[in-house]
């Protein structure tokens, strides 16, 4: 049986990172892709309210976004 991964979502990414380092739990830390931060800033500016990173990332994934295809655009 494989090791299960638990994604910890937080808007305090730096604090979560250092806590994971101190407690030897980097394997359980989820840091969202930079695209998620950019999209969150855009939707917050558009709607005039706050959104969590988790909410934005789930919405992006529901629309078909994956962190694997974020930089595979053809630039020609």
PDB file of N, CA and C in Angstrom:
ATOM      1  N   UNK A   1       0.841  -1.172   0.000  1.00  0.00           N
ATOM      2  CA  UNK A   1       0.000   0.000   0.000  1.00  0.00           C
ATOM      3  C   UNK A   1       0.889   1.239   0.000  1.00  0.00           C
ATOM      4  N   UNK A   2       0.594   2.197  -0.886  1.00  0.00           N
ATOM      5  CA  UNK A   2       1.395   3.414  -1.013  1.00  0.00           C
ATOM      6  C   UNK A   2       1.123   4.406   0.092  1.00  0.00           C
ATOM      7  N   UNK A   3       2.028   5.328   0.202  1.00  0.00           N
ATOM      8  CA  UNK A   3       1.908   6.385   1.192  1.00  0.00           C
ATOM      9  C   UNK A   3       0.865   7.394   0.737  1.00  0.00           C
ATOM     10  N   UNK A   4      -0.086   7.739   1.591  1.00  0.00           N
ATOM     11  CA  UNK A   4      -1.114   8.700   1.247  1.00  0.00           C
ATOM     12  C   UNK A   4      -0.592  10.115   1.448  1.00  0.00           C
ATOM     13  N   UNK A   5      -0.967  10.987   0.530  1.00  0.00           N
ATOM     14  CA  UNK A   5      -0.566  12.384   0.615  1.00  0.00           C
ATOM     15  C   UNK A   5      -1.740  13.209   1.111  1.00  0.00           C
ATOM     16  N   UNK A   6      -1.482  14.086   2.039  1.00  0.00           N
ATOM     17  CA  UNK A   6      -2.504  14.980   2.552  1.00  0.00           C
ATOM     18  C   UNK A   6      -2.125  16.382   2.132  1.00  0.00           C
ATOM     19  N   UNK A   7      -3.025  17.045   1.419  1.00  0.00           N
ATOM     20  CA  UNK A   7      -2.753  18.416   0.999  1.00  0.00           C
ATOM     21  C   UNK A   7      -3.262  19.366   2.067  1.00  0.00           C
ATOM     22  N   UNK A   8      -2.365  20.170   2.569  1.00  0.00           N
ATOM     23  CA  UNK A   8      -2.734  21.174   3.552  1.00  0.00           C
ATOM     24  C   UNK A   8      -2.883  22.507   2.845  1.00  0.00           C
ATOM     25  N   UNK A   9      -4.077  23.053   2.883  1.00  0.00           N
ATOM     26  CA  UNK A   9      -4.322  24.337   2.249  1.00  0.00           C
ATOM     27  C   UNK A   9      -4.290  25.427   3.299  1.00  0.00           C
ATOM     28  N   UNK A  10      -3.576  26.477   2.992  1.00  0.00           N
ATOM     29  CA  UNK A  10      -3.518  27.626   3.872  1.00  0.00           C
ATOM     30  C   UNK A  10      -3.180  28.849   3.049  1.00  0.00           C
ATOM     31  N   UNK A  11      -3.596  29.989   3.510  1.00  0.00           N
ATOM     32  CA  UNK A  11      -3.199  31.224   2.860  1.00  0.00           C
ATOM     33  C   UNK A  11      -1.899  31.748   3.459  1.00  0.00           C
ATOM     34  N   UNK A  12      -1.427  31.124   4.517  1.00  0.00           N
ATOM     35  CA  UNK A  12      -0.171  31.492   5.167  1.00  0.00           C
ATOM     36  C   UNK A  12       0.923  30.536   4.703  1.00  0.00           C
ATOM     37  N   UNK A  13       1.278  30.640   3.434  1.00  0.00           N
ATOM     38  CA  UNK A  13       2.186  29.682   2.797  1.00  0.00           C
ATOM     39  C   UNK A  13       3.559  29.670   3.466  1.00  0.00           C
ATOM     40  N   UNK A  14       4.107  30.831   3.753  1.00  0.00           N
ATOM     41  CA  UNK A  14       5.448  30.897   4.366  1.00  0.00           C
ATOM     42  C   UNK A  14       5.443  30.237   5.736  1.00  0.00           C
ATOM     43  N   UNK A  15       4.450  30.559   6.551  1.00  0.00           N
ATOM     44  CA  UNK A  15       4.364  29.969   7.892  1.00  0.00           C
ATOM     45  C   UNK A  15       4.181  28.457   7.817  1.00  0.00           C
ATOM     46  N   UNK A  16       3.338  28.020   6.873  1.00  0.00           N
ATOM     47  CA  UNK A  16       3.113  26.581   6.706  1.00  0.00           C
ATOM     48  C   UNK A  16       4.393  25.877   6.265  1.00  0.00           C
ATOM     49  N   UNK A  17       5.162  26.522   5.385  1.00  0.00           N
ATOM     50  CA  UNK A  17       6.411  25.940   4.919  1.00  0.00           C
ATOM     51  C   UNK A  17       7.386  25.756   6.085  1.00  0.00           C
ATOM     52  N   UNK A  18       7.598  26.815   6.863  1.00  0.00           N
ATOM     53  CA  UNK A  18       8.546  26.717   7.977  1.00  0.00           C
ATOM     54  C   UNK A  18       8.079  25.720   9.035  1.00  0.00           C
ATOM     55  N   UNK A  19       6.778  25.656   9.267  1.00  0.00           N
ATOM     56  CA  UNK A  19       6.249  24.675  10.211  1.00  0.00           C
ATOM     57  C   UNK A  19       6.516  23.251   9.706  1.00  0.00           C
ATOM     58  N   UNK A  20       6.321  23.046   8.398  1.00  0.00           N
ATOM     59  CA  UNK A  20       6.581  21.727   7.812  1.00  0.00           C
ATOM     60  C   UNK A  20       8.059  21.360   7.913  1.00  0.00           C
ATOM     61  N   UNK A  21       8.942  22.329   7.716  1.00  0.00           N
ATOM     62  CA  UNK A  21      10.379  22.073   7.833  1.00  0.00           C
ATOM     63  C   UNK A  21      10.720  21.695   9.269  1.00  0.00           C
ATOM     64  N   UNK A  22      10.226  22.481  10.211  1.00  0.00           N
ATOM     65  CA  UNK A  22      10.526  22.228  11.625  1.00  0.00           C
ATOM     66  C   UNK A  22      10.007  20.869  12.098  1.00  0.00           C
ATOM     67  N   UNK A  23       8.871  20.444  11.547  1.00  0.00           N
ATOM     68  CA  UNK A  23       8.246  19.202  11.987  1.00  0.00           C
ATOM     69  C   UNK A  23       8.471  18.037  11.031  1.00  0.00           C
ATOM     70  N   UNK A  24       9.412  18.223  10.080  1.00  0.00           N
ATOM     71  CA  UNK A  24       9.751  17.166   9.122  1.00  0.00           C
ATOM     72  C   UNK A  24       8.509  16.631   8.406  1.00  0.00           C
ATOM     73  N   UNK A  25       7.687  17.536   7.893  1.00  0.00           N
ATOM     74  CA  UNK A  25       6.451  17.163   7.206  1.00  0.00           C
ATOM     75  C   UNK A  25       6.340  17.804   5.822  1.00  0.00           C
ATOM     76  N   UNK A  26       7.453  18.008   5.159  1.00  0.00           N
ATOM     77  CA  UNK A  26       7.404  18.608   3.832  1.00  0.00           C
ATOM     78  C   UNK A  26       6.589  17.776   2.852  1.00  0.00           C
ATOM     79  N   UNK A  27       6.536  16.470   3.063  1.00  0.00           N
ATOM     80  CA  UNK A  27       5.774  15.601   2.170  1.00  0.00           C
ATOM     81  C   UNK A  27       4.276  15.857   2.251  1.00  0.00           C
ATOM     82  N   UNK A  28       3.811  16.532   3.280  1.00  0.00           N
ATOM     83  CA  UNK A  28       2.393  16.802   3.446  1.00  0.00           C
ATOM     84  C   UNK A  28       2.020  18.249   3.103  1.00  0.00           C
ATOM     85  N   UNK A  29       3.001  19.038   2.719  1.00  0.00           N
ATOM     86  CA  UNK A  29       2.774  20.452   2.427  1.00  0.00           C
ATOM     87  C   UNK A  29       2.363  20.645   0.976  1.00  0.00           C
ATOM     88  N   UNK A  30       1.330  21.426   0.763  1.00  0.00           N
ATOM     89  CA  UNK A  30       0.895  21.766  -0.593  1.00  0.00           C
ATOM     90  C   UNK A  30       1.043  23.269  -0.777  1.00  0.00           C
ATOM     91  N   UNK A  31       1.912  23.651  -1.694  1.00  0.00           N
ATOM     92  CA  UNK A  31       2.065  25.060  -2.041  1.00  0.00           C
ATOM     93  C   UNK A  31       1.463  25.219  -3.432  1.00  0.00           C
ATOM     94  N   UNK A  32       0.439  26.052  -3.550  1.00  0.00           N
ATOM     95  CA  UNK A  32      -0.211  26.214  -4.854  1.00  0.00           C
ATOM     96  C   UNK A  32       0.744  26.770  -5.905  1.00  0.00           C
ATOM     97  N   UNK A  33       0.481  26.427  -7.151  1.00  0.00           N
ATOM     98  CA  UNK A  33       1.235  26.931  -8.285  1.00  0.00           C
ATOM     99  C   UNK A  33       1.079  28.448  -8.341  1.00  0.00           C
ATOM    100  N   UNK A  34       2.066  29.133  -8.880  1.00  0.00           N
ATOM    101  CA  UNK A  34       2.017  30.597  -8.958  1.00  0.00           C
ATOM    102  C   UNK A  34       0.799  31.096  -9.736  1.00  0.00           C
ATOM    103  N   UNK A  35       0.312  30.318 -10.700  1.00  0.00           N
ATOM    104  CA  UNK A  35      -0.894  30.707 -11.445  1.00  0.00           C
ATOM    105  C   UNK A  35      -2.068  30.960 -10.507  1.00  0.00           C
ATOM    106  N   UNK A  36      -2.163  30.160  -9.449  1.00  0.00           N
ATOM    107  CA  UNK A  36      -3.276  30.284  -8.502  1.00  0.00           C
ATOM    108  C   UNK A  36      -3.223  31.641  -7.798  1.00  0.00           C
ATOM    109  N   UNK A  37      -2.030  32.099  -7.452  1.00  0.00           N
ATOM    110  CA  UNK A  37      -1.883  33.401  -6.800  1.00  0.00           C
ATOM    111  C   UNK A  37      -2.297  34.526  -7.749  1.00  0.00           C
ATOM    112  N   UNK A  38      -1.904  34.427  -9.019  1.00  0.00           N
ATOM    113  CA  UNK A  38      -2.255  35.450 -10.001  1.00  0.00           C
ATOM    114  C   UNK A  38      -3.762  35.481 -10.252  1.00  0.00           C
ATOM    115  N   UNK A  39      -4.361  34.320 -10.405  1.00  0.00           N
ATOM    116  CA  UNK A  39      -5.803  34.255 -10.648  1.00  0.00           C
ATOM    117  C   UNK A  39      -6.561  34.781  -9.439  1.00  0.00           C
ATOM    118  N   UNK A  40      -6.110  34.431  -8.243  1.00  0.00           N
ATOM    119  CA  UNK A  40      -6.782  34.928  -7.042  1.00  0.00           C
ATOM    120  C   UNK A  40      -6.752  36.454  -6.994  1.00  0.00           C
ATOM    121  N   UNK A  41      -5.616  37.044  -7.301  1.00  0.00           N
ATOM    122  CA  UNK A  41      -5.514  38.510  -7.311  1.00  0.00           C
ATOM    123  C   UNK A  41      -6.487  39.109  -8.322  1.00  0.00           C
ATOM    124  N   UNK A  42      -6.609  38.486  -9.481  1.00  0.00           N
ATOM    125  CA  UNK A  42      -7.503  38.995 -10.522  1.00  0.00           C
ATOM    126  C   UNK A  42      -8.973  38.886 -10.109  1.00  0.00           C
ATOM    127  N   UNK A  43      -9.369  37.736  -9.565  1.00  0.00           N
ATOM    128  CA  UNK A  43     -10.790  37.589  -9.189  1.00  0.00           C
ATOM    129  C   UNK A  43     -11.127  38.440  -7.971  1.00  0.00           C
ATOM    130  N   UNK A  44     -10.185  38.630  -7.072  1.00  0.00           N
ATOM    131  CA  UNK A  44     -10.438  39.512  -5.933  1.00  0.00           C
ATOM    132  C   UNK A  44     -10.619  40.950  -6.404  1.00  0.00           C
ATOM    133  N   UNK A  45      -9.814  41.378  -7.365  1.00  0.00           N
ATOM    134  CA  UNK A  45      -9.952  42.727  -7.912  1.00  0.00           C
ATOM    135  C   UNK A  45     -11.283  42.872  -8.650  1.00  0.00           C
ATOM    136  N   UNK A  46     -11.671  41.837  -9.361  1.00  0.00           N
ATOM    137  CA  UNK A  46     -12.915  41.880 -10.136  1.00  0.00           C
ATOM    138  C   UNK A  46     -14.156  41.879  -9.238  1.00  0.00           C
ATOM    139  N   UNK A  47     -14.179  40.985  -8.254  1.00  0.00           N
ATOM    140  CA  UNK A  47     -15.366  40.828  -7.411  1.00  0.00           C
ATOM    141  C   UNK A  47     -15.338  41.684  -6.147  1.00  0.00           C
ATOM    142  N   UNK A  48     -14.175  42.235  -5.802  1.00  0.00           N
ATOM    143  CA  UNK A  48     -14.086  43.096  -4.634  1.00  0.00           C
ATOM    144  C   UNK A  48     -14.241  42.377  -3.311  1.00  0.00           C
ATOM    145  N   UNK A  49     -13.863  41.120  -3.290  1.00  0.00           N
ATOM    146  CA  UNK A  49     -13.895  40.356  -2.041  1.00  0.00           C
ATOM    147  C   UNK A  49     -12.776  39.336  -2.031  1.00  0.00           C
ATOM    148  N   UNK A  50     -12.523  38.751  -0.866  1.00  0.00           N
ATOM    149  CA  UNK A  50     -11.420  37.793  -0.703  1.00  0.00           C
ATOM    150  C   UNK A  50     -11.839  36.379  -1.088  1.00  0.00           C
ATOM    151  N   UNK A  51     -10.873  35.629  -1.571  1.00  0.00           N
ATOM    152  CA  UNK A  51     -11.042  34.210  -1.867  1.00  0.00           C
ATOM    153  C   UNK A  51      -9.845  33.477  -1.289  1.00  0.00           C
ATOM    154  N   UNK A  52     -10.045  32.259  -0.818  1.00  0.00           N
ATOM    155  CA  UNK A  52      -8.930  31.467  -0.318  1.00  0.00           C
ATOM    156  C   UNK A  52      -8.186  30.850  -1.501  1.00  0.00           C
ATOM    157  N   UNK A  53      -6.939  30.522  -1.270  1.00  0.00           N
ATOM    158  CA  UNK A  53      -6.162  29.840  -2.306  1.00  0.00           C
ATOM    159  C   UNK A  53      -6.815  28.506  -2.669  1.00  0.00           C
ATOM    160  N   UNK A  54      -7.313  27.814  -1.667  1.00  0.00           N
ATOM    161  CA  UNK A  54      -7.974  26.525  -1.920  1.00  0.00           C
ATOM    162  C   UNK A  54      -9.178  26.704  -2.841  1.00  0.00           C
ATOM    163  N   UNK A  55     -10.009  27.698  -2.570  1.00  0.00           N
ATOM    164  CA  UNK A  55     -11.197  27.952  -3.380  1.00  0.00           C
ATOM    165  C   UNK A  55     -10.810  28.229  -4.826  1.00  0.00           C
ATOM    166  N   UNK A  56      -9.833  29.091  -5.023  1.00  0.00           N
ATOM    167  CA  UNK A  56      -9.408  29.458  -6.372  1.00  0.00           C
ATOM    168  C   UNK A  56      -8.800  28.255  -7.091  1.00  0.00           C
ATOM    169  N   UNK A  57      -7.950  27.505  -6.404  1.00  0.00           N
ATOM    170  CA  UNK A  57      -7.324  26.348  -7.057  1.00  0.00           C
ATOM    171  C   UNK A  57      -8.372  25.302  -7.432  1.00  0.00           C
ATOM    172  N   UNK A  58      -9.328  25.047  -6.569  1.00  0.00           N
ATOM    173  CA  UNK A  58     -10.387  24.076  -6.900  1.00  0.00           C
ATOM    174  C   UNK A  58     -11.218  24.541  -8.089  1.00  0.00           C
ATOM    175  N   UNK A  59     -11.526  25.837  -8.124  1.00  0.00           N
ATOM    176  CA  UNK A  59     -12.289  26.378  -9.251  1.00  0.00           C
ATOM    177  C   UNK A  59     -11.491  26.263 -10.550  1.00  0.00           C
ATOM    178  N   UNK A  60     -10.201  26.555 -10.486  1.00  0.00           N
ATOM    179  CA  UNK A  60      -9.348  26.443 -11.677  1.00  0.00           C
ATOM    180  C   UNK A  60      -9.291  25.001 -12.165  1.00  0.00           C
ATOM    181  N   UNK A  61      -9.153  24.069 -11.248  1.00  0.00           N
ATOM    182  CA  UNK A  61      -9.105  22.646 -11.638  1.00  0.00           C
ATOM    183  C   UNK A  61     -10.447  22.200 -12.222  1.00  0.00           C
ATOM    184  N   UNK A  62     -11.543  22.707 -11.661  1.00  0.00           N
ATOM    185  CA  UNK A  62     -12.874  22.364 -12.178  1.00  0.00           C
ATOM    186  C   UNK A  62     -13.051  22.865 -13.614  1.00  0.00           C
ATOM    187  N   UNK A  63     -12.342  23.936 -13.962  1.00  0.00           N
ATOM    188  CA  UNK A  63     -12.388  24.486 -15.319  1.00  0.00           C
ATOM    189  C   UNK A  63     -11.355  23.858 -16.248  1.00  0.00           C
ATOM    190  N   UNK A  64     -10.599  22.872 -15.747  1.00  0.00           N
ATOM    191  CA  UNK A  64      -9.666  22.142 -16.592  1.00  0.00           C
ATOM    192  C   UNK A  64      -8.206  22.514 -16.444  1.00  0.00           C
ATOM    193  N   UNK A  65      -7.892  23.470 -15.565  1.00  0.00           N
ATOM    194  CA  UNK A  65      -6.500  23.866 -15.369  1.00  0.00           C
ATOM    195  C   UNK A  65      -5.755  22.779 -14.610  1.00  0.00           C
ATOM    196  N   UNK A  66      -4.521  22.535 -15.001  1.00  0.00           N
ATOM    197  CA  UNK A  66      -3.612  21.688 -14.231  1.00  0.00           C
ATOM    198  C   UNK A  66      -2.272  22.390 -14.184  1.00  0.00           C
ATOM    199  N   UNK A  67      -1.517  22.144 -13.142  1.00  0.00           N
ATOM    200  CA  UNK A  67      -0.206  22.790 -13.054  1.00  0.00           C
ATOM    201  C   UNK A  67       0.762  22.228 -14.087  1.00  0.00           C
ATOM    202  N   UNK A  68       0.418  21.129 -14.729  1.00  0.00           N
ATOM    203  CA  UNK A  68       1.265  20.553 -15.772  1.00  0.00           C
ATOM    204  C   UNK A  68       1.147  21.296 -17.089  1.00  0.00           C
ATOM    205  N   UNK A  69      -0.019  21.891 -17.372  1.00  0.00           N
ATOM    206  CA  UNK A  69      -0.207  22.529 -18.668  1.00  0.00           C
ATOM    207  C   UNK A  69      -0.141  24.038 -18.612  1.00  0.00           C
ATOM    208  N   UNK A  70       0.247  24.605 -17.490  1.00  0.00           N
ATOM    209  CA  UNK A  70       0.223  26.059 -17.355  1.00  0.00           C
ATOM    210  C   UNK A  70       1.275  26.760 -18.195  1.00  0.00           C
ATOM    211  N   UNK A  71       2.338  26.082 -18.572  1.00  0.00           N
ATOM    212  CA  UNK A  71       3.394  26.712 -19.352  1.00  0.00           C
ATOM    213  C   UNK A  71       3.629  26.003 -20.685  1.00  0.00           C
ATOM    214  N   UNK A  72       2.638  25.259 -21.167  1.00  0.00           N
ATOM    215  CA  UNK A  72       2.797  24.523 -22.415  1.00  0.00           C
ATOM    216  C   UNK A  72       2.180  25.249 -23.603  1.00  0.00           C
ATOM    217  N   UNK A  73       2.002  26.553 -23.494  1.00  0.00           N
ATOM    218  CA  UNK A  73       1.398  27.302 -24.590  1.00  0.00           C
ATOM    219  C   UNK A  73       2.408  27.464 -25.714  1.00  0.00           C
ATOM    220  N   UNK A  74       1.917  27.414 -26.929  1.00  0.00           N
ATOM    221  CA  UNK A  74       2.780  27.605 -28.097  1.00  0.00           C
ATOM    222  C   UNK A  74       3.006  29.094 -28.301  1.00  0.00           C
ATOM    223  N   UNK A  75       4.243  29.526 -28.264  1.00  0.00           N
ATOM    224  CA  UNK A  75       4.560  30.947 -28.358  1.00  0.00           C
ATOM    225  C   UNK A  75       4.806  31.408 -29.780  1.00  0.00           C
ATOM    226  N   UNK A  76       4.556  30.559 -30.777  1.00  0.00           N
ATOM    227  CA  UNK A  76       4.794  30.945 -32.166  1.00  0.00           C
ATOM    228  C   UNK A  76       3.565  31.525 -32.785  1.00  0.00           C
TER     229      UNK A  76
END
